[in-house]
Amino acid sequence: MMAWSQVDIKIGSTKAIGYFNGSNLDAPNIGDVGNEVVISNKKYTVVSVVLDERDNRYNIEVAMATSKKIKEQSDGKSIKGPS
């Protein structure tokens, strides 16, 4: 588990500051949470949302992001640089 860090978030069209540890987001109650949140300019799919009514803050679990690298394909041509 990662340490909590302060992040910029966007829920719907509203921006705010939250705290993120890689899979959980602590955010102010700024409106309906849909299926997706933006955390530091990266989109995450929402797995679950719990509103902590004591603090009026959301505890949002997001799906872990996977980074798929696109493999470069060769066109078969070699490139010669200056000799």
PDB file of N, CA and C in Angstrom:
ATOM      1  N   MET A   1       0.842  -1.176   0.000  1.00  0.00           N
ATOM      2  CA  MET A   1       0.000   0.000   0.000  1.00  0.00           C
ATOM      3  C   MET A   1       0.893   1.247   0.000  1.00  0.00           C
ATOM      4  N   MET A   2       0.521   2.197  -0.788  1.00  0.00           N
ATOM      5  CA  MET A   2       1.274   3.446  -0.896  1.00  0.00           C
ATOM      6  C   MET A   2       0.891   4.391   0.247  1.00  0.00           C
ATOM      7  N   ALA A   3       1.750   5.366   0.480  1.00  0.00           N
ATOM      8  CA  ALA A   3       1.434   6.405   1.457  1.00  0.00           C
ATOM      9  C   ALA A   3       0.394   7.349   0.868  1.00  0.00           C
ATOM     10  N   TRP A   4      -0.349   8.008   1.728  1.00  0.00           N
ATOM     11  CA  TRP A   4      -1.344   8.971   1.285  1.00  0.00           C
ATOM     12  C   TRP A   4      -0.641  10.217   0.753  1.00  0.00           C
ATOM     13  N   SER A   5      -1.121  10.726  -0.366  1.00  0.00           N
ATOM     14  CA  SER A   5      -0.570  11.968  -0.896  1.00  0.00           C
ATOM     15  C   SER A   5      -1.714  12.873  -1.342  1.00  0.00           C
ATOM     16  N   GLN A   6      -1.481  14.168  -1.253  1.00  0.00           N
ATOM     17  CA  GLN A   6      -2.488  15.144  -1.662  1.00  0.00           C
ATOM     18  C   GLN A   6      -2.527  15.203  -3.179  1.00  0.00           C
ATOM     19  N   VAL A   7      -3.731  15.174  -3.747  1.00  0.00           N
ATOM     20  CA  VAL A   7      -3.907  15.150  -5.202  1.00  0.00           C
ATOM     21  C   VAL A   7      -5.024  16.100  -5.620  1.00  0.00           C
ATOM     22  N   ASP A   8      -4.952  16.529  -6.868  1.00  0.00           N
ATOM     23  CA  ASP A   8      -6.052  17.276  -7.483  1.00  0.00           C
ATOM     24  C   ASP A   8      -7.033  16.253  -8.030  1.00  0.00           C
ATOM     25  N   ILE A   9      -8.311  16.457  -7.761  1.00  0.00           N
ATOM     26  CA  ILE A   9      -9.322  15.523  -8.244  1.00  0.00           C
ATOM     27  C   ILE A   9     -10.412  16.272  -8.988  1.00  0.00           C
ATOM     28  N   LYS A  10     -11.124  15.512  -9.798  1.00  0.00           N
ATOM     29  CA  LYS A  10     -12.271  16.054 -10.507  1.00  0.00           C
ATOM     30  C   LYS A  10     -13.370  14.996 -10.453  1.00  0.00           C
ATOM     31  N   ILE A  11     -14.485  15.377  -9.869  1.00  0.00           N
ATOM     32  CA  ILE A  11     -15.652  14.510  -9.809  1.00  0.00           C
ATOM     33  C   ILE A  11     -16.747  15.216 -10.589  1.00  0.00           C
ATOM     34  N   GLY A  12     -17.150  14.616 -11.697  1.00  0.00           N
ATOM     35  CA  GLY A  12     -18.074  15.300 -12.601  1.00  0.00           C
ATOM     36  C   GLY A  12     -17.355  16.504 -13.186  1.00  0.00           C
ATOM     37  N   SER A  13     -17.913  17.693 -13.000  1.00  0.00           N
ATOM     38  CA  SER A  13     -17.256  18.904 -13.509  1.00  0.00           C
ATOM     39  C   SER A  13     -16.647  19.728 -12.371  1.00  0.00           C
ATOM     40  N   THR A  14     -16.684  19.179 -11.140  1.00  0.00           N
ATOM     41  CA  THR A  14     -16.192  19.904  -9.970  1.00  0.00           C
ATOM     42  C   THR A  14     -14.784  19.460  -9.603  1.00  0.00           C
ATOM     43  N   LYS A  15     -13.909  20.437  -9.389  1.00  0.00           N
ATOM     44  CA  LYS A  15     -12.532  20.147  -8.994  1.00  0.00           C
ATOM     45  C   LYS A  15     -12.366  20.370  -7.499  1.00  0.00           C
ATOM     46  N   ALA A  16     -11.470  19.586  -6.886  1.00  0.00           N
ATOM     47  CA  ALA A  16     -11.213  19.701  -5.452  1.00  0.00           C
ATOM     48  C   ALA A  16      -9.848  19.094  -5.140  1.00  0.00           C
ATOM     49  N   ILE A  17      -9.496  19.134  -3.867  1.00  0.00           N
ATOM     50  CA  ILE A  17      -8.275  18.510  -3.367  1.00  0.00           C
ATOM     51  C   ILE A  17      -8.685  17.286  -2.566  1.00  0.00           C
ATOM     52  N   GLY A  18      -7.996  16.171  -2.774  1.00  0.00           N
ATOM     53  CA  GLY A  18      -8.273  14.957  -2.025  1.00  0.00           C
ATOM     54  C   GLY A  18      -6.976  14.295  -1.621  1.00  0.00           C
ATOM     55  N   TYR A  19      -7.084  13.115  -1.025  1.00  0.00           N
ATOM     56  CA  TYR A  19      -5.924  12.347  -0.593  1.00  0.00           C
ATOM     57  C   TYR A  19      -6.054  10.942  -1.159  1.00  0.00           C
ATOM     58  N   PHE A  20      -4.970  10.449  -1.771  1.00  0.00           N
ATOM     59  CA  PHE A  20      -5.001   9.201  -2.529  1.00  0.00           C
ATOM     60  C   PHE A  20      -3.833   8.316  -2.123  1.00  0.00           C
ATOM     61  N   ASN A  21      -4.094   7.004  -1.993  1.00  0.00           N
ATOM     62  CA  ASN A  21      -3.018   6.083  -1.638  1.00  0.00           C
ATOM     63  C   ASN A  21      -2.810   4.976  -2.663  1.00  0.00           C
ATOM     64  N   GLY A  22      -3.290   5.165  -3.861  1.00  0.00           N
ATOM     65  CA  GLY A  22      -3.114   4.175  -4.913  1.00  0.00           C
ATOM     66  C   GLY A  22      -4.369   3.396  -5.232  1.00  0.00           C
ATOM     67  N   SER A  23      -5.231   3.183  -4.231  1.00  0.00           N
ATOM     68  CA  SER A  23      -6.492   2.481  -4.491  1.00  0.00           C
ATOM     69  C   SER A  23      -7.679   3.129  -3.781  1.00  0.00           C
ATOM     70  N   ASN A  24      -7.408   3.975  -2.794  1.00  0.00           N
ATOM     71  CA  ASN A  24      -8.484   4.653  -2.055  1.00  0.00           C
ATOM     72  C   ASN A  24      -8.299   6.156  -2.134  1.00  0.00           C
ATOM     73  N   LEU A  25      -9.418   6.842  -2.326  1.00  0.00           N
ATOM     74  CA  LEU A  25      -9.431   8.293  -2.417  1.00  0.00           C
ATOM     75  C   LEU A  25     -10.311   8.850  -1.314  1.00  0.00           C
ATOM     76  N   ASP A  26      -9.784   9.802  -0.547  1.00  0.00           N
ATOM     77  CA  ASP A  26     -10.551  10.524   0.457  1.00  0.00           C
ATOM     78  C   ASP A  26     -10.837  11.891  -0.138  1.00  0.00           C
ATOM     79  N   ALA A  27     -12.120  12.220  -0.322  1.00  0.00           N
ATOM     80  CA  ALA A  27     -12.492  13.448  -1.027  1.00  0.00           C
ATOM     81  C   ALA A  27     -13.660  14.125  -0.327  1.00  0.00           C
ATOM     82  N   PRO A  28     -13.752  15.461  -0.458  1.00  0.00           N
ATOM     83  CA  PRO A  28     -14.913  16.156   0.105  1.00  0.00           C
ATOM     84  C   PRO A  28     -16.187  15.782  -0.651  1.00  0.00           C
ATOM     85  N   ASN A  29     -17.306  15.916   0.000  1.00  0.00           N
ATOM     86  CA  ASN A  29     -18.597  15.647  -0.626  1.00  0.00           C
ATOM     87  C   ASN A  29     -18.919  16.824  -1.553  1.00  0.00           C
ATOM     88  N   ILE A  30     -18.600  16.651  -2.827  1.00  0.00           N
ATOM     89  CA  ILE A  30     -18.812  17.734  -3.791  1.00  0.00           C
ATOM     90  C   ILE A  30     -19.877  17.377  -4.821  1.00  0.00           C
ATOM     91  N   GLY A  31     -20.673  16.373  -4.535  1.00  0.00           N
ATOM     92  CA  GLY A  31     -21.743  16.010  -5.451  1.00  0.00           C
ATOM     93  C   GLY A  31     -21.720  14.530  -5.760  1.00  0.00           C
ATOM     94  N   ASP A  32     -22.579  14.132  -6.691  1.00  0.00           N
ATOM     95  CA  ASP A  32     -22.689  12.727  -7.076  1.00  0.00           C
ATOM     96  C   ASP A  32     -21.389  12.213  -7.663  1.00  0.00           C
ATOM     97  N   VAL A  33     -20.992  11.042  -7.214  1.00  0.00           N
ATOM     98  CA  VAL A  33     -19.824  10.370  -7.783  1.00  0.00           C
ATOM     99  C   VAL A  33     -20.346   9.379  -8.807  1.00  0.00           C
ATOM    100  N   GLY A  34     -19.912   9.528 -10.026  1.00  0.00           N
ATOM    101  CA  GLY A  34     -20.356   8.621 -11.084  1.00  0.00           C
ATOM    102  C   GLY A  34     -19.501   7.372 -11.129  1.00  0.00           C
ATOM    103  N   ASN A  35     -19.286   6.867 -12.323  1.00  0.00           N
ATOM    104  CA  ASN A  35     -18.493   5.656 -12.522  1.00  0.00           C
ATOM    105  C   ASN A  35     -17.009   5.942 -12.666  1.00  0.00           C
ATOM    106  N   GLU A  36     -16.655   7.224 -12.707  1.00  0.00           N
ATOM    107  CA  GLU A  36     -15.279   7.587 -13.014  1.00  0.00           C
ATOM    108  C   GLU A  36     -14.873   8.849 -12.250  1.00  0.00           C
ATOM    109  N   VAL A  37     -13.638   8.885 -11.777  1.00  0.00           N
ATOM    110  CA  VAL A  37     -13.078  10.083 -11.171  1.00  0.00           C
ATOM    111  C   VAL A  37     -11.725  10.346 -11.835  1.00  0.00           C
ATOM    112  N   VAL A  38     -11.330  11.607 -11.826  1.00  0.00           N
ATOM    113  CA  VAL A  38     -10.031  11.982 -12.378  1.00  0.00           C
ATOM    114  C   VAL A  38      -9.144  12.374 -11.204  1.00  0.00           C
ATOM    115  N   ILE A  39      -8.013  11.688 -11.081  1.00  0.00           N
ATOM    116  CA  ILE A  39      -7.069  11.923 -10.002  1.00  0.00           C
ATOM    117  C   ILE A  39      -5.732  12.288 -10.635  1.00  0.00           C
ATOM    118  N   SER A  40      -5.285  13.496 -10.397  1.00  0.00           N
ATOM    119  CA  SER A  40      -4.022  13.982 -10.983  1.00  0.00           C
ATOM    120  C   SER A  40      -3.982  13.742 -12.488  1.00  0.00           C
ATOM    121  N   ASN A  41      -5.064  14.115 -13.153  1.00  0.00           N
ATOM    122  CA  ASN A  41      -5.204  14.034 -14.612  1.00  0.00           C
ATOM    123  C   ASN A  41      -5.218  12.612 -15.162  1.00  0.00           C
ATOM    124  N   LYS A  42      -5.503  11.615 -14.334  1.00  0.00           N
ATOM    125  CA  LYS A  42      -5.648  10.233 -14.790  1.00  0.00           C
ATOM    126  C   LYS A  42      -7.043   9.753 -14.414  1.00  0.00           C
ATOM    127  N   LYS A  43      -7.704   9.101 -15.358  1.00  0.00           N
ATOM    128  CA  LYS A  43      -9.057   8.594 -15.106  1.00  0.00           C
ATOM    129  C   LYS A  43      -8.994   7.249 -14.399  1.00  0.00           C
ATOM    130  N   TYR A  44      -9.847   7.090 -13.388  1.00  0.00           N
ATOM    131  CA  TYR A  44      -9.951   5.844 -12.643  1.00  0.00           C
ATOM    132  C   TYR A  44     -11.415   5.424 -12.598  1.00  0.00           C
ATOM    133  N   THR A  45     -11.660   4.134 -12.673  1.00  0.00           N
ATOM    134  CA  THR A  45     -13.004   3.586 -12.547  1.00  0.00           C
ATOM    135  C   THR A  45     -13.338   3.425 -11.068  1.00  0.00           C
ATOM    136  N   VAL A  46     -14.519   3.882 -10.690  1.00  0.00           N
ATOM    137  CA  VAL A  46     -14.970   3.805  -9.300  1.00  0.00           C
ATOM    138  C   VAL A  46     -15.475   2.394  -9.014  1.00  0.00           C
ATOM    139  N   VAL A  47     -14.956   1.779  -7.940  1.00  0.00           N
ATOM    140  CA  VAL A  47     -15.392   0.453  -7.512  1.00  0.00           C
ATOM    141  C   VAL A  47     -16.485   0.581  -6.457  1.00  0.00           C
ATOM    142  N   SER A  48     -16.268   1.464  -5.460  1.00  0.00           N
ATOM    143  CA  SER A  48     -17.281   1.672  -4.424  1.00  0.00           C
ATOM    144  C   SER A  48     -17.142   3.069  -3.839  1.00  0.00           C
ATOM    145  N   VAL A  49     -18.250   3.553  -3.281  1.00  0.00           N
ATOM    146  CA  VAL A  49     -18.286   4.884  -2.670  1.00  0.00           C
ATOM    147  C   VAL A  49     -19.012   4.779  -1.339  1.00  0.00           C
ATOM    148  N   VAL A  50     -18.398   5.333  -0.281  1.00  0.00           N
ATOM    149  CA  VAL A  50     -19.036   5.397   1.034  1.00  0.00           C
ATOM    150  C   VAL A  50     -18.934   6.841   1.507  1.00  0.00           C
ATOM    151  N   LEU A  51     -20.072   7.409   1.894  1.00  0.00           N
ATOM    152  CA  LEU A  51     -20.083   8.765   2.433  1.00  0.00           C
ATOM    153  C   LEU A  51     -19.964   8.687   3.948  1.00  0.00           C
ATOM    154  N   ASP A  52     -18.889   9.257   4.478  1.00  0.00           N
ATOM    155  CA  ASP A  52     -18.710   9.345   5.927  1.00  0.00           C
ATOM    156  C   ASP A  52     -19.471  10.583   6.382  1.00  0.00           C
ATOM    157  N   GLU A  53     -20.637  10.388   6.964  1.00  0.00           N
ATOM    158  CA  GLU A  53     -21.516  11.502   7.327  1.00  0.00           C
ATOM    159  C   GLU A  53     -20.967  12.328   8.490  1.00  0.00           C
ATOM    160  N   ARG A  54     -20.054  11.764   9.268  1.00  0.00           N
ATOM    161  CA  ARG A  54     -19.465  12.520  10.381  1.00  0.00           C
ATOM    162  C   ARG A  54     -18.632  13.686   9.852  1.00  0.00           C
ATOM    163  N   ASP A  55     -17.860  13.414   8.783  1.00  0.00           N
ATOM    164  CA  ASP A  55     -16.982  14.439   8.218  1.00  0.00           C
ATOM    165  C   ASP A  55     -17.499  14.992   6.893  1.00  0.00           C
ATOM    166  N   ASN A  56     -18.593  14.421   6.392  1.00  0.00           N
ATOM    167  CA  ASN A  56     -19.151  14.784   5.093  1.00  0.00           C
ATOM    168  C   ASN A  56     -18.086  14.630   3.992  1.00  0.00           C
ATOM    169  N   ARG A  57     -17.403  13.476   4.025  1.00  0.00           N
ATOM    170  CA  ARG A  57     -16.360  13.173   3.048  1.00  0.00           C
ATOM    171  C   ARG A  57     -16.621  11.805   2.433  1.00  0.00           C
ATOM    172  N   TYR A  58     -16.225  11.679   1.177  1.00  0.00           N
ATOM    173  CA  TYR A  58     -16.330  10.405   0.479  1.00  0.00           C
ATOM    174  C   TYR A  58     -15.085   9.567   0.710  1.00  0.00           C
ATOM    175  N   ASN A  59     -15.285   8.270   0.872  1.00  0.00           N
ATOM    176  CA  ASN A  59     -14.219   7.281   0.808  1.00  0.00           C
ATOM    177  C   ASN A  59     -14.498   6.495  -0.473  1.00  0.00           C
ATOM    178  N   ILE A  60     -13.662   6.708  -1.470  1.00  0.00           N
ATOM    179  CA  ILE A  60     -13.889   6.137  -2.796  1.00  0.00           C
ATOM    180  C   ILE A  60     -12.803   5.113  -3.088  1.00  0.00           C
ATOM    181  N   GLU A  61     -13.224   3.896  -3.421  1.00  0.00           N
ATOM    182  CA  GLU A  61     -12.274   2.870  -3.841  1.00  0.00           C
ATOM    183  C   GLU A  61     -12.270   2.873  -5.371  1.00  0.00           C
ATOM    184  N   VAL A  62     -11.080   2.913  -5.947  1.00  0.00           N
ATOM    185  CA  VAL A  62     -10.965   2.919  -7.401  1.00  0.00           C
ATOM    186  C   VAL A  62     -10.230   1.665  -7.855  1.00  0.00           C
ATOM    187  N   ALA A  63     -10.487   1.283  -9.102  1.00  0.00           N
ATOM    188  CA  ALA A  63      -9.785   0.143  -9.689  1.00  0.00           C
ATOM    189  C   ALA A  63      -8.336   0.543  -9.925  1.00  0.00           C
ATOM    190  N   MET A  64      -7.443  -0.362  -9.650  1.00  0.00           N
ATOM    191  CA  MET A  64      -6.022  -0.089  -9.864  1.00  0.00           C
ATOM    192  C   MET A  64      -5.791   0.115 -11.354  1.00  0.00           C
ATOM    193  N   ALA A  65      -5.049   1.151 -11.670  1.00  0.00           N
ATOM    194  CA  ALA A  65      -4.751   1.452 -13.068  1.00  0.00           C
ATOM    195  C   ALA A  65      -3.704   0.477 -13.576  1.00  0.00           C
ATOM    196  N   THR A  66      -3.903   0.015 -14.776  1.00  0.00           N
ATOM    197  CA  THR A  66      -2.889  -0.837 -15.399  1.00  0.00           C
ATOM    198  C   THR A  66      -2.285  -0.065 -16.548  1.00  0.00           C
ATOM    199  N   SER A  67      -1.004  -0.148 -16.658  1.00  0.00           N
ATOM    200  CA  SER A  67      -0.346   0.556 -17.754  1.00  0.00           C
ATOM    201  C   SER A  67       0.028  -0.456 -18.817  1.00  0.00           C
ATOM    202  N   LYS A  68      -0.647  -0.375 -19.926  1.00  0.00           N
ATOM    203  CA  LYS A  68      -0.351  -1.250 -21.055  1.00  0.00           C
ATOM    204  C   LYS A  68       0.503  -0.472 -22.030  1.00  0.00           C
ATOM    205  N   LYS A  69       1.675  -0.993 -22.270  1.00  0.00           N
ATOM    206  CA  LYS A  69       2.559  -0.325 -23.209  1.00  0.00           C
ATOM    207  C   LYS A  69       2.232  -0.791 -24.622  1.00  0.00           C
ATOM    208  N   ILE A  70       2.212   0.147 -25.529  1.00  0.00           N
ATOM    209  CA  ILE A  70       1.952  -0.171 -26.923  1.00  0.00           C
ATOM    210  C   ILE A  70       3.273  -0.582 -27.552  1.00  0.00           C
ATOM    211  N   LYS A  71       3.282  -1.759 -28.147  1.00  0.00           N
ATOM    212  CA  LYS A  71       4.497  -2.239 -28.790  1.00  0.00           C
ATOM    213  C   LYS A  71       4.651  -1.551 -30.139  1.00  0.00           C
ATOM    214  N   GLU A  72       5.859  -1.059 -30.374  1.00  0.00           N
ATOM    215  CA  GLU A  72       6.129  -0.430 -31.658  1.00  0.00           C
ATOM    216  C   GLU A  72       6.358  -1.513 -32.693  1.00  0.00           C
ATOM    217  N   GLN A  73       5.842  -1.290 -33.881  1.00  0.00           N
ATOM    218  CA  GLN A  73       6.024  -2.247 -34.961  1.00  0.00           C
ATOM    219  C   GLN A  73       6.939  -1.649 -36.004  1.00  0.00           C
ATOM    220  N   SER A  74       7.835  -2.483 -36.476  1.00  0.00           N
ATOM    221  CA  SER A  74       8.789  -2.046 -37.490  1.00  0.00           C
ATOM    222  C   SER A  74       8.141  -2.108 -38.864  1.00  0.00           C
ATOM    223  N   ASP A  75       8.498  -1.151 -39.701  1.00  0.00           N
ATOM    224  CA  ASP A  75       8.032  -1.187 -41.075  1.00  0.00           C
ATOM    225  C   ASP A  75       9.028  -1.914 -41.968  1.00  0.00           C
ATOM    226  N   GLY A  76      10.095  -2.444 -41.365  1.00  0.00           N
ATOM    227  CA  GLY A  76      11.088  -3.207 -42.113  1.00  0.00           C
ATOM    228  C   GLY A  76      12.152  -2.363 -42.767  1.00  0.00           C
ATOM    229  N   LYS A  77      12.025  -1.050 -42.714  1.00  0.00           N
ATOM    230  CA  LYS A  77      12.995  -0.159 -43.347  1.00  0.00           C
ATOM    231  C   LYS A  77      14.016   0.281 -42.303  1.00  0.00           C
ATOM    232  N   SER A  78      15.281   0.257 -42.686  1.00  0.00           N
ATOM    233  CA  SER A  78      16.301   0.741 -41.772  1.00  0.00           C
ATOM    234  C   SER A  78      16.523   2.232 -42.016  1.00  0.00           C
ATOM    235  N   ILE A  79      16.916   2.894 -40.987  1.00  0.00           N
ATOM    236  CA  ILE A  79      17.142   4.321 -41.072  1.00  0.00           C
ATOM    237  C   ILE A  79      18.634   4.557 -40.891  1.00  0.00           C
ATOM    238  N   LYS A  80      19.239   5.244 -41.853  1.00  0.00           N
ATOM    239  CA  LYS A  80      20.654   5.547 -41.763  1.00  0.00           C
ATOM    240  C   LYS A  80      20.801   6.989 -41.337  1.00  0.00           C
ATOM    241  N   GLY A  81      21.663   7.185 -40.345  1.00  0.00           N
ATOM    242  CA  GLY A  81      21.974   8.533 -39.908  1.00  0.00           C
ATOM    243  C   GLY A  81      23.205   9.026 -40.639  1.00  0.00           C
ATOM    244  N   PRO A  82      23.647  10.237 -40.372  1.00  0.00           N
ATOM    245  CA  PRO A  82      24.851  10.772 -40.994  1.00  0.00           C
ATOM    246  C   PRO A  82      26.073   9.939 -40.611  1.00  0.00           C
ATOM    247  N   SER A  83      26.992   9.741 -41.566  1.00  0.00           N
ATOM    248  CA  SER A  83      28.189   8.933 -41.327  1.00  0.00           C
ATOM    249  C   SER A  83      29.312   9.777 -40.808  1.00  0.00           C
TER     250      SER A  83
END
